[in-house]
Amino acid sequence: MNARHLREVPKLGDEKPAAGMLTKRLNVNMSVESYSEVERLAKEHRWTITDLIRLSISLLKTAYDAIREGNRLAVVNKRGRVIKEILLPS
């Protein structure tokens, strides 16, 4: 796979509100298992939960933009072979 097929996802912190910018608070209900996974990922990667949510949104936006352009999402091994297609709800 060459670089033209790759799109950079914004780095953590890139979408933090600028000084004086209005923000919204998000309150989310989820299962204990889901919250444990959120905490685990945040801790493992040394992210805040807010950064994890921002990254998740950026990844989903990138994925849906690619699908809208007629592309498919996949996990590709080191040799470039598709080992799993990623299907998202429409």
PDB file of N, CA and C in Angstrom:
ATOM      1  N   MET A   1       0.855  -1.167   0.000  1.00  0.00           N
ATOM      2  CA  MET A   1       0.000   0.000   0.000  1.00  0.00           C
ATOM      3  C   MET A   1       0.899   1.227   0.000  1.00  0.00           C
ATOM      4  N   ASN A   2       0.610   2.196  -0.862  1.00  0.00           N
ATOM      5  CA  ASN A   2       1.447   3.382  -0.882  1.00  0.00           C
ATOM      6  C   ASN A   2       0.793   4.522  -0.120  1.00  0.00           C
ATOM      7  N   ALA A   3       1.535   5.602   0.048  1.00  0.00           N
ATOM      8  CA  ALA A   3       1.091   6.709   0.898  1.00  0.00           C
ATOM      9  C   ALA A   3      -0.162   7.402   0.380  1.00  0.00           C
ATOM     10  N   ARG A   4      -0.436   7.336  -0.913  1.00  0.00           N
ATOM     11  CA  ARG A   4      -1.616   8.045  -1.406  1.00  0.00           C
ATOM     12  C   ARG A   4      -2.912   7.418  -0.909  1.00  0.00           C
ATOM     13  N   HIS A   5      -2.844   6.177  -0.424  1.00  0.00           N
ATOM     14  CA  HIS A   5      -4.027   5.514   0.107  1.00  0.00           C
ATOM     15  C   HIS A   5      -4.260   5.844   1.577  1.00  0.00           C
ATOM     16  N   LEU A   6      -3.307   6.501   2.197  1.00  0.00           N
ATOM     17  CA  LEU A   6      -3.400   6.772   3.624  1.00  0.00           C
ATOM     18  C   LEU A   6      -3.824   8.207   3.872  1.00  0.00           C
ATOM     19  N   ARG A   7      -4.629   8.393   4.873  1.00  0.00           N
ATOM     20  CA  ARG A   7      -5.027   9.725   5.302  1.00  0.00           C
ATOM     21  C   ARG A   7      -4.628   9.880   6.742  1.00  0.00           C
ATOM     22  N   GLU A   8      -4.053  11.006   7.058  1.00  0.00           N
ATOM     23  CA  GLU A   8      -3.631  11.223   8.437  1.00  0.00           C
ATOM     24  C   GLU A   8      -4.827  11.601   9.291  1.00  0.00           C
ATOM     25  N   VAL A   9      -4.960  10.928  10.409  1.00  0.00           N
ATOM     26  CA  VAL A   9      -5.989  11.263  11.389  1.00  0.00           C
ATOM     27  C   VAL A   9      -5.397  12.344  12.278  1.00  0.00           C
ATOM     28  N   PRO A  10      -6.184  13.370  12.621  1.00  0.00           N
ATOM     29  CA  PRO A  10      -5.635  14.426  13.470  1.00  0.00           C
ATOM     30  C   PRO A  10      -4.999  13.863  14.731  1.00  0.00           C
ATOM     31  N   LYS A  11      -3.891  14.456  15.119  1.00  0.00           N
ATOM     32  CA  LYS A  11      -3.200  14.029  16.335  1.00  0.00           C
ATOM     33  C   LYS A  11      -4.005  14.441  17.554  1.00  0.00           C
ATOM     34  N   LEU A  12      -3.822  13.688  18.629  1.00  0.00           N
ATOM     35  CA  LEU A  12      -4.514  14.043  19.867  1.00  0.00           C
ATOM     36  C   LEU A  12      -4.155  15.464  20.242  1.00  0.00           C
ATOM     37  N   GLY A  13      -5.161  16.205  20.637  1.00  0.00           N
ATOM     38  CA  GLY A  13      -4.937  17.579  21.037  1.00  0.00           C
ATOM     39  C   GLY A  13      -5.172  18.562  19.906  1.00  0.00           C
ATOM     40  N   ASP A  14      -5.184  18.109  18.646  1.00  0.00           N
ATOM     41  CA  ASP A  14      -5.367  19.011  17.511  1.00  0.00           C
ATOM     42  C   ASP A  14      -6.736  19.684  17.523  1.00  0.00           C
ATOM     43  N   GLU A  15      -7.721  19.035  18.116  1.00  0.00           N
ATOM     44  CA  GLU A  15      -9.067  19.584  18.064  1.00  0.00           C
ATOM     45  C   GLU A  15      -9.512  20.172  19.394  1.00  0.00           C
ATOM     46  N   LYS A  16      -8.573  20.414  20.279  1.00  0.00           N
ATOM     47  CA  LYS A  16      -8.954  21.041  21.538  1.00  0.00           C
ATOM     48  C   LYS A  16      -9.423  22.459  21.257  1.00  0.00           C
ATOM     49  N   PRO A  17     -10.414  22.924  21.999  1.00  0.00           N
ATOM     50  CA  PRO A  17     -10.938  24.260  21.746  1.00  0.00           C
ATOM     51  C   PRO A  17      -9.883  25.343  21.975  1.00  0.00           C
ATOM     52  N   ALA A  18      -9.887  26.320  21.100  1.00  0.00           N
ATOM     53  CA  ALA A  18      -8.977  27.451  21.250  1.00  0.00           C
ATOM     54  C   ALA A  18      -9.465  28.324  22.403  1.00  0.00           C
ATOM     55  N   ALA A  19      -8.573  29.130  22.913  1.00  0.00           N
ATOM     56  CA  ALA A  19      -8.928  30.027  24.019  1.00  0.00           C
ATOM     57  C   ALA A  19     -10.136  30.869  23.619  1.00  0.00           C
ATOM     58  N   GLY A  20     -11.107  30.940  24.480  1.00  0.00           N
ATOM     59  CA  GLY A  20     -12.307  31.725  24.234  1.00  0.00           C
ATOM     60  C   GLY A  20     -13.363  31.016  23.401  1.00  0.00           C
ATOM     61  N   MET A  21     -13.050  29.831  22.892  1.00  0.00           N
ATOM     62  CA  MET A  21     -14.002  29.091  22.071  1.00  0.00           C
ATOM     63  C   MET A  21     -15.030  28.400  22.967  1.00  0.00           C
ATOM     64  N   LEU A  22     -16.277  28.398  22.550  1.00  0.00           N
ATOM     65  CA  LEU A  22     -17.322  27.730  23.319  1.00  0.00           C
ATOM     66  C   LEU A  22     -17.136  26.223  23.252  1.00  0.00           C
ATOM     67  N   THR A  23     -17.438  25.554  24.336  1.00  0.00           N
ATOM     68  CA  THR A  23     -17.366  24.090  24.376  1.00  0.00           C
ATOM     69  C   THR A  23     -18.683  23.538  24.885  1.00  0.00           C
ATOM     70  N   LYS A  24     -18.872  22.258  24.683  1.00  0.00           N
ATOM     71  CA  LYS A  24     -20.045  21.540  25.184  1.00  0.00           C
ATOM     72  C   LYS A  24     -19.577  20.389  26.048  1.00  0.00           C
ATOM     73  N   ARG A  25     -20.308  20.110  27.095  1.00  0.00           N
ATOM     74  CA  ARG A  25     -20.018  18.964  27.947  1.00  0.00           C
ATOM     75  C   ARG A  25     -20.860  17.798  27.443  1.00  0.00           C
ATOM     76  N   LEU A  26     -20.267  16.605  27.448  1.00  0.00           N
ATOM     77  CA  LEU A  26     -20.940  15.394  26.987  1.00  0.00           C
ATOM     78  C   LEU A  26     -21.048  14.417  28.150  1.00  0.00           C
ATOM     79  N   ASN A  27     -22.255  13.976  28.419  1.00  0.00           N
ATOM     80  CA  ASN A  27     -22.499  12.991  29.465  1.00  0.00           C
ATOM     81  C   ASN A  27     -22.983  11.723  28.765  1.00  0.00           C
ATOM     82  N   VAL A  28     -22.272  10.621  28.949  1.00  0.00           N
ATOM     83  CA  VAL A  28     -22.558   9.393  28.212  1.00  0.00           C
ATOM     84  C   VAL A  28     -22.865   8.252  29.174  1.00  0.00           C
ATOM     85  N   ASN A  29     -23.909   7.500  28.879  1.00  0.00           N
ATOM     86  CA  ASN A  29     -24.207   6.286  29.628  1.00  0.00           C
ATOM     87  C   ASN A  29     -23.675   5.097  28.848  1.00  0.00           C
ATOM     88  N   MET A  30     -22.954   4.209  29.526  1.00  0.00           N
ATOM     89  CA  MET A  30     -22.438   3.005  28.879  1.00  0.00           C
ATOM     90  C   MET A  30     -22.311   1.903  29.906  1.00  0.00           C
ATOM     91  N   SER A  31     -22.151   0.698  29.402  1.00  0.00           N
ATOM     92  CA  SER A  31     -22.015  -0.443  30.299  1.00  0.00           C
ATOM     93  C   SER A  31     -20.698  -0.343  31.070  1.00  0.00           C
ATOM     94  N   VAL A  32     -20.638  -1.060  32.165  1.00  0.00           N
ATOM     95  CA  VAL A  32     -19.410  -1.110  32.963  1.00  0.00           C
ATOM     96  C   VAL A  32     -18.271  -1.664  32.110  1.00  0.00           C
ATOM     97  N   GLU A  33     -18.564  -2.663  31.280  1.00  0.00           N
ATOM     98  CA  GLU A  33     -17.543  -3.256  30.423  1.00  0.00           C
ATOM     99  C   GLU A  33     -16.989  -2.230  29.433  1.00  0.00           C
ATOM    100  N   SER A  34     -17.882  -1.460  28.820  1.00  0.00           N
ATOM    101  CA  SER A  34     -17.427  -0.431  27.870  1.00  0.00           C
ATOM    102  C   SER A  34     -16.594   0.626  28.563  1.00  0.00           C
ATOM    103  N   TYR A  35     -17.039   1.063  29.732  1.00  0.00           N
ATOM    104  CA  TYR A  35     -16.280   2.082  30.463  1.00  0.00           C
ATOM    105  C   TYR A  35     -14.914   1.549  30.886  1.00  0.00           C
ATOM    106  N   SER A  36     -14.852   0.294  31.270  1.00  0.00           N
ATOM    107  CA  SER A  36     -13.567  -0.314  31.630  1.00  0.00           C
ATOM    108  C   SER A  36     -12.619  -0.309  30.443  1.00  0.00           C
ATOM    109  N   GLU A  37     -13.155  -0.574  29.253  1.00  0.00           N
ATOM    110  CA  GLU A  37     -12.325  -0.558  28.044  1.00  0.00           C
ATOM    111  C   GLU A  37     -11.851   0.860  27.730  1.00  0.00           C
ATOM    112  N   VAL A  38     -12.713   1.840  27.906  1.00  0.00           N
ATOM    113  CA  VAL A  38     -12.322   3.248  27.716  1.00  0.00           C
ATOM    114  C   VAL A  38     -11.184   3.607  28.673  1.00  0.00           C
ATOM    115  N   GLU A  39     -11.346   3.251  29.931  1.00  0.00           N
ATOM    116  CA  GLU A  39     -10.297   3.524  30.916  1.00  0.00           C
ATOM    117  C   GLU A  39      -8.999   2.804  30.569  1.00  0.00           C
ATOM    118  N   ARG A  40      -9.095   1.552  30.155  1.00  0.00           N
ATOM    119  CA  ARG A  40      -7.905   0.770  29.809  1.00  0.00           C
ATOM    120  C   ARG A  40      -7.152   1.403  28.639  1.00  0.00           C
ATOM    121  N   LEU A  41      -7.898   1.755  27.579  1.00  0.00           N
ATOM    122  CA  LEU A  41      -7.262   2.372  26.413  1.00  0.00           C
ATOM    123  C   LEU A  41      -6.609   3.711  26.771  1.00  0.00           C
ATOM    124  N   ALA A  42      -7.323   4.513  27.539  1.00  0.00           N
ATOM    125  CA  ALA A  42      -6.780   5.820  27.933  1.00  0.00           C
ATOM    126  C   ALA A  42      -5.499   5.645  28.745  1.00  0.00           C
ATOM    127  N   LYS A  43      -5.528   4.735  29.685  1.00  0.00           N
ATOM    128  CA  LYS A  43      -4.356   4.508  30.533  1.00  0.00           C
ATOM    129  C   LYS A  43      -3.197   3.940  29.715  1.00  0.00           C
ATOM    130  N   GLU A  44      -3.479   2.950  28.879  1.00  0.00           N
ATOM    131  CA  GLU A  44      -2.441   2.290  28.077  1.00  0.00           C
ATOM    132  C   GLU A  44      -1.713   3.276  27.167  1.00  0.00           C
ATOM    133  N   HIS A  45      -2.464   4.222  26.604  1.00  0.00           N
ATOM    134  CA  HIS A  45      -1.878   5.167  25.646  1.00  0.00           C
ATOM    135  C   HIS A  45      -1.563   6.535  26.260  1.00  0.00           C
ATOM    136  N   ARG A  46      -1.820   6.653  27.574  1.00  0.00           N
ATOM    137  CA  ARG A  46      -1.577   7.906  28.304  1.00  0.00           C
ATOM    138  C   ARG A  46      -2.367   9.072  27.704  1.00  0.00           C
ATOM    139  N   TRP A  47      -3.646   8.786  27.404  1.00  0.00           N
ATOM    140  CA  TRP A  47      -4.564   9.795  26.905  1.00  0.00           C
ATOM    141  C   TRP A  47      -5.552  10.140  28.007  1.00  0.00           C
ATOM    142  N   THR A  48      -6.146  11.301  27.898  1.00  0.00           N
ATOM    143  CA  THR A  48      -7.302  11.594  28.730  1.00  0.00           C
ATOM    144  C   THR A  48      -8.502  10.924  28.062  1.00  0.00           C
ATOM    145  N   ILE A  49      -9.573  10.745  28.810  1.00  0.00           N
ATOM    146  CA  ILE A  49     -10.793  10.179  28.211  1.00  0.00           C
ATOM    147  C   ILE A  49     -11.324  11.141  27.157  1.00  0.00           C
ATOM    148  N   THR A  50     -11.196  12.435  27.398  1.00  0.00           N
ATOM    149  CA  THR A  50     -11.616  13.432  26.405  1.00  0.00           C
ATOM    150  C   THR A  50     -10.837  13.247  25.106  1.00  0.00           C
ATOM    151  N   ASP A  51      -9.516  13.069  25.199  1.00  0.00           N
ATOM    152  CA  ASP A  51      -8.717  12.850  23.994  1.00  0.00           C
ATOM    153  C   ASP A  51      -9.111  11.560  23.290  1.00  0.00           C
ATOM    154  N   LEU A  52      -9.415  10.517  24.044  1.00  0.00           N
ATOM    155  CA  LEU A  52      -9.842   9.255  23.454  1.00  0.00           C
ATOM    156  C   LEU A  52     -11.144   9.448  22.669  1.00  0.00           C
ATOM    157  N   ILE A  53     -12.084  10.197  23.228  1.00  0.00           N
ATOM    158  CA  ILE A  53     -13.357  10.469  22.536  1.00  0.00           C
ATOM    159  C   ILE A  53     -13.098  11.296  21.278  1.00  0.00           C
ATOM    160  N   ARG A  54     -12.252  12.321  21.369  1.00  0.00           N
ATOM    161  CA  ARG A  54     -11.924  13.139  20.194  1.00  0.00           C
ATOM    162  C   ARG A  54     -11.292  12.288  19.085  1.00  0.00           C
ATOM    163  N   LEU A  55     -10.366  11.414  19.465  1.00  0.00           N
ATOM    164  CA  LEU A  55      -9.723  10.549  18.483  1.00  0.00           C
ATOM    165  C   LEU A  55     -10.743   9.601  17.854  1.00  0.00           C
ATOM    166  N   SER A  56     -11.633   9.052  18.671  1.00  0.00           N
ATOM    167  CA  SER A  56     -12.673   8.148  18.156  1.00  0.00           C
ATOM    168  C   SER A  56     -13.537   8.855  17.115  1.00  0.00           C
ATOM    169  N   ILE A  57     -13.912  10.082  17.397  1.00  0.00           N
ATOM    170  CA  ILE A  57     -14.733  10.855  16.457  1.00  0.00           C
ATOM    171  C   ILE A  57     -13.954  11.108  15.168  1.00  0.00           C
ATOM    172  N   SER A  58     -12.684  11.471  15.292  1.00  0.00           N
ATOM    173  CA  SER A  58     -11.856  11.714  14.103  1.00  0.00           C
ATOM    174  C   SER A  58     -11.710  10.455  13.257  1.00  0.00           C
ATOM    175  N   LEU A  59     -11.508   9.317  13.912  1.00  0.00           N
ATOM    176  CA  LEU A  59     -11.386   8.052  13.182  1.00  0.00           C
ATOM    177  C   LEU A  59     -12.687   7.690  12.466  1.00  0.00           C
ATOM    178  N   LEU A  60     -13.820   7.854  13.144  1.00  0.00           N
ATOM    179  CA  LEU A  60     -15.112   7.559  12.512  1.00  0.00           C
ATOM    180  C   LEU A  60     -15.375   8.492  11.341  1.00  0.00           C
ATOM    181  N   LYS A  61     -15.057   9.770  11.495  1.00  0.00           N
ATOM    182  CA  LYS A  61     -15.242  10.727  10.403  1.00  0.00           C
ATOM    183  C   LYS A  61     -14.388  10.312   9.204  1.00  0.00           C
ATOM    184  N   THR A  62     -13.129   9.975   9.440  1.00  0.00           N
ATOM    185  CA  THR A  62     -12.242   9.540   8.366  1.00  0.00           C
ATOM    186  C   THR A  62     -12.784   8.283   7.696  1.00  0.00           C
ATOM    187  N   ALA A  63     -13.258   7.333   8.501  1.00  0.00           N
ATOM    188  CA  ALA A  63     -13.800   6.080   7.961  1.00  0.00           C
ATOM    189  C   ALA A  63     -15.035   6.333   7.106  1.00  0.00           C
ATOM    190  N   TYR A  64     -15.979   7.115   7.615  1.00  0.00           N
ATOM    191  CA  TYR A  64     -17.203   7.372   6.849  1.00  0.00           C
ATOM    192  C   TYR A  64     -16.931   8.214   5.607  1.00  0.00           C
ATOM    193  N   ASP A  65     -15.975   9.130   5.659  1.00  0.00           N
ATOM    194  CA  ASP A  65     -15.584   9.893   4.467  1.00  0.00           C
ATOM    195  C   ASP A  65     -15.049   8.948   3.396  1.00  0.00           C
ATOM    196  N   ALA A  66     -14.218   7.983   3.811  1.00  0.00           N
ATOM    197  CA  ALA A  66     -13.655   7.014   2.867  1.00  0.00           C
ATOM    198  C   ALA A  66     -14.754   6.151   2.249  1.00  0.00           C
ATOM    199  N   ILE A  67     -15.697   5.705   3.062  1.00  0.00           N
ATOM    200  CA  ILE A  67     -16.811   4.892   2.561  1.00  0.00           C
ATOM    201  C   ILE A  67     -17.649   5.703   1.581  1.00  0.00           C
ATOM    202  N   ARG A  68     -17.907   6.950   1.910  1.00  0.00           N
ATOM    203  CA  ARG A  68     -18.698   7.832   1.041  1.00  0.00           C
ATOM    204  C   ARG A  68     -18.017   7.996  -0.328  1.00  0.00           C
ATOM    205  N   GLU A  69     -16.680   7.926  -0.344  1.00  0.00           N
ATOM    206  CA  GLU A  69     -15.916   8.050  -1.589  1.00  0.00           C
ATOM    207  C   GLU A  69     -15.840   6.727  -2.355  1.00  0.00           C
ATOM    208  N   GLY A  70     -16.510   5.687  -1.838  1.00  0.00           N
ATOM    209  CA  GLY A  70     -16.545   4.409  -2.524  1.00  0.00           C
ATOM    210  C   GLY A  70     -15.469   3.425  -2.092  1.00  0.00           C
ATOM    211  N   ASN A  71     -14.737   3.757  -1.051  1.00  0.00           N
ATOM    212  CA  ASN A  71     -13.675   2.878  -0.560  1.00  0.00           C
ATOM    213  C   ASN A  71     -14.212   1.913   0.487  1.00  0.00           C
ATOM    214  N   ARG A  72     -13.417   0.893   0.782  1.00  0.00           N
ATOM    215  CA  ARG A  72     -13.740  -0.058   1.850  1.00  0.00           C
ATOM    216  C   ARG A  72     -12.673   0.059   2.914  1.00  0.00           C
ATOM    217  N   LEU A  73     -13.016  -0.311   4.142  1.00  0.00           N
ATOM    218  CA  LEU A  73     -12.073  -0.276   5.258  1.00  0.00           C
ATOM    219  C   LEU A  73     -11.610  -1.685   5.560  1.00  0.00           C
ATOM    220  N   ALA A  74     -10.314  -1.802   5.886  1.00  0.00           N
ATOM    221  CA  ALA A  74      -9.788  -3.139   6.134  1.00  0.00           C
ATOM    222  C   ALA A  74      -8.580  -3.086   7.054  1.00  0.00           C
ATOM    223  N   VAL A  75      -8.342  -4.211   7.719  1.00  0.00           N
ATOM    224  CA  VAL A  75      -7.098  -4.440   8.445  1.00  0.00           C
ATOM    225  C   VAL A  75      -6.207  -5.183   7.461  1.00  0.00           C
ATOM    226  N   VAL A  76      -4.997  -4.667   7.280  1.00  0.00           N
ATOM    227  CA  VAL A  76      -4.069  -5.223   6.300  1.00  0.00           C
ATOM    228  C   VAL A  76      -2.821  -5.689   7.034  1.00  0.00           C
ATOM    229  N   ASN A  77      -2.342  -6.885   6.694  1.00  0.00           N
ATOM    230  CA  ASN A  77      -1.141  -7.385   7.369  1.00  0.00           C
ATOM    231  C   ASN A  77       0.115  -6.740   6.786  1.00  0.00           C
ATOM    232  N   LYS A  78       1.272  -7.116   7.301  1.00  0.00           N
ATOM    233  CA  LYS A  78       2.547  -6.514   6.886  1.00  0.00           C
ATOM    234  C   LYS A  78       2.833  -6.695   5.399  1.00  0.00           C
ATOM    235  N   ARG A  79       2.278  -7.726   4.797  1.00  0.00           N
ATOM    236  CA  ARG A  79       2.502  -7.994   3.374  1.00  0.00           C
ATOM    237  C   ARG A  79       1.484  -7.293   2.478  1.00  0.00           C
ATOM    238  N   GLY A  80       0.564  -6.540   3.088  1.00  0.00           N
ATOM    239  CA  GLY A  80      -0.445  -5.834   2.312  1.00  0.00           C
ATOM    240  C   GLY A  80      -1.684  -6.652   2.009  1.00  0.00           C
ATOM    241  N   ARG A  81      -1.791  -7.826   2.624  1.00  0.00           N
ATOM    242  CA  ARG A  81      -2.958  -8.699   2.416  1.00  0.00           C
ATOM    243  C   ARG A  81      -4.074  -8.309   3.379  1.00  0.00           C
ATOM    244  N   VAL A  82      -5.273  -8.154   2.855  1.00  0.00           N
ATOM    245  CA  VAL A  82      -6.435  -7.838   3.700  1.00  0.00           C
ATOM    246  C   VAL A  82      -6.755  -9.057   4.541  1.00  0.00           C
ATOM    247  N   ILE A  83      -6.764  -8.870   5.859  1.00  0.00           N
ATOM    248  CA  ILE A  83      -7.097  -9.998   6.733  1.00  0.00           C
ATOM    249  C   ILE A  83      -8.474  -9.846   7.369  1.00  0.00           C
ATOM    250  N   LYS A  84      -9.013  -8.610   7.325  1.00  0.00           N
ATOM    251  CA  LYS A  84     -10.341  -8.399   7.887  1.00  0.00           C
ATOM    252  C   LYS A  84     -10.930  -7.115   7.299  1.00  0.00           C
ATOM    253  N   GLU A  85     -12.161  -7.187   6.801  1.00  0.00           N
ATOM    254  CA  GLU A  85     -12.850  -5.984   6.360  1.00  0.00           C
ATOM    255  C   GLU A  85     -13.615  -5.406   7.546  1.00  0.00           C
ATOM    256  N   ILE A  86     -13.586  -4.114   7.665  1.00  0.00           N
ATOM    257  CA  ILE A  86     -14.281  -3.427   8.757  1.00  0.00           C
ATOM    258  C   ILE A  86     -15.587  -2.885   8.215  1.00  0.00           C
ATOM    259  N   LEU A  87     -16.689  -3.359   8.777  1.00  0.00           N
ATOM    260  CA  LEU A  87     -18.011  -2.919   8.362  1.00  0.00           C
ATOM    261  C   LEU A  87     -18.588  -2.004   9.433  1.00  0.00           C
ATOM    262  N   LEU A  88     -19.064  -0.850   9.025  1.00  0.00           N
ATOM    263  CA  LEU A  88     -19.667   0.104   9.965  1.00  0.00           C
ATOM    264  C   LEU A  88     -21.152   0.227   9.673  1.00  0.00           C
ATOM    265  N   PRO A  89     -21.944   0.488  10.696  1.00  0.00           N
ATOM    266  CA  PRO A  89     -23.384   0.687  10.459  1.00  0.00           C
ATOM    267  C   PRO A  89     -23.609   1.934   9.616  1.00  0.00           C
ATOM    268  N   SER A  90     -24.638   1.874   8.770  1.00  0.00           N
ATOM    269  CA  SER A  90     -24.923   3.051   7.935  1.00  0.00           C
ATOM    270  C   SER A  90     -25.842   4.023   8.610  1.00  0.00           C
TER     271      SER A  90
END
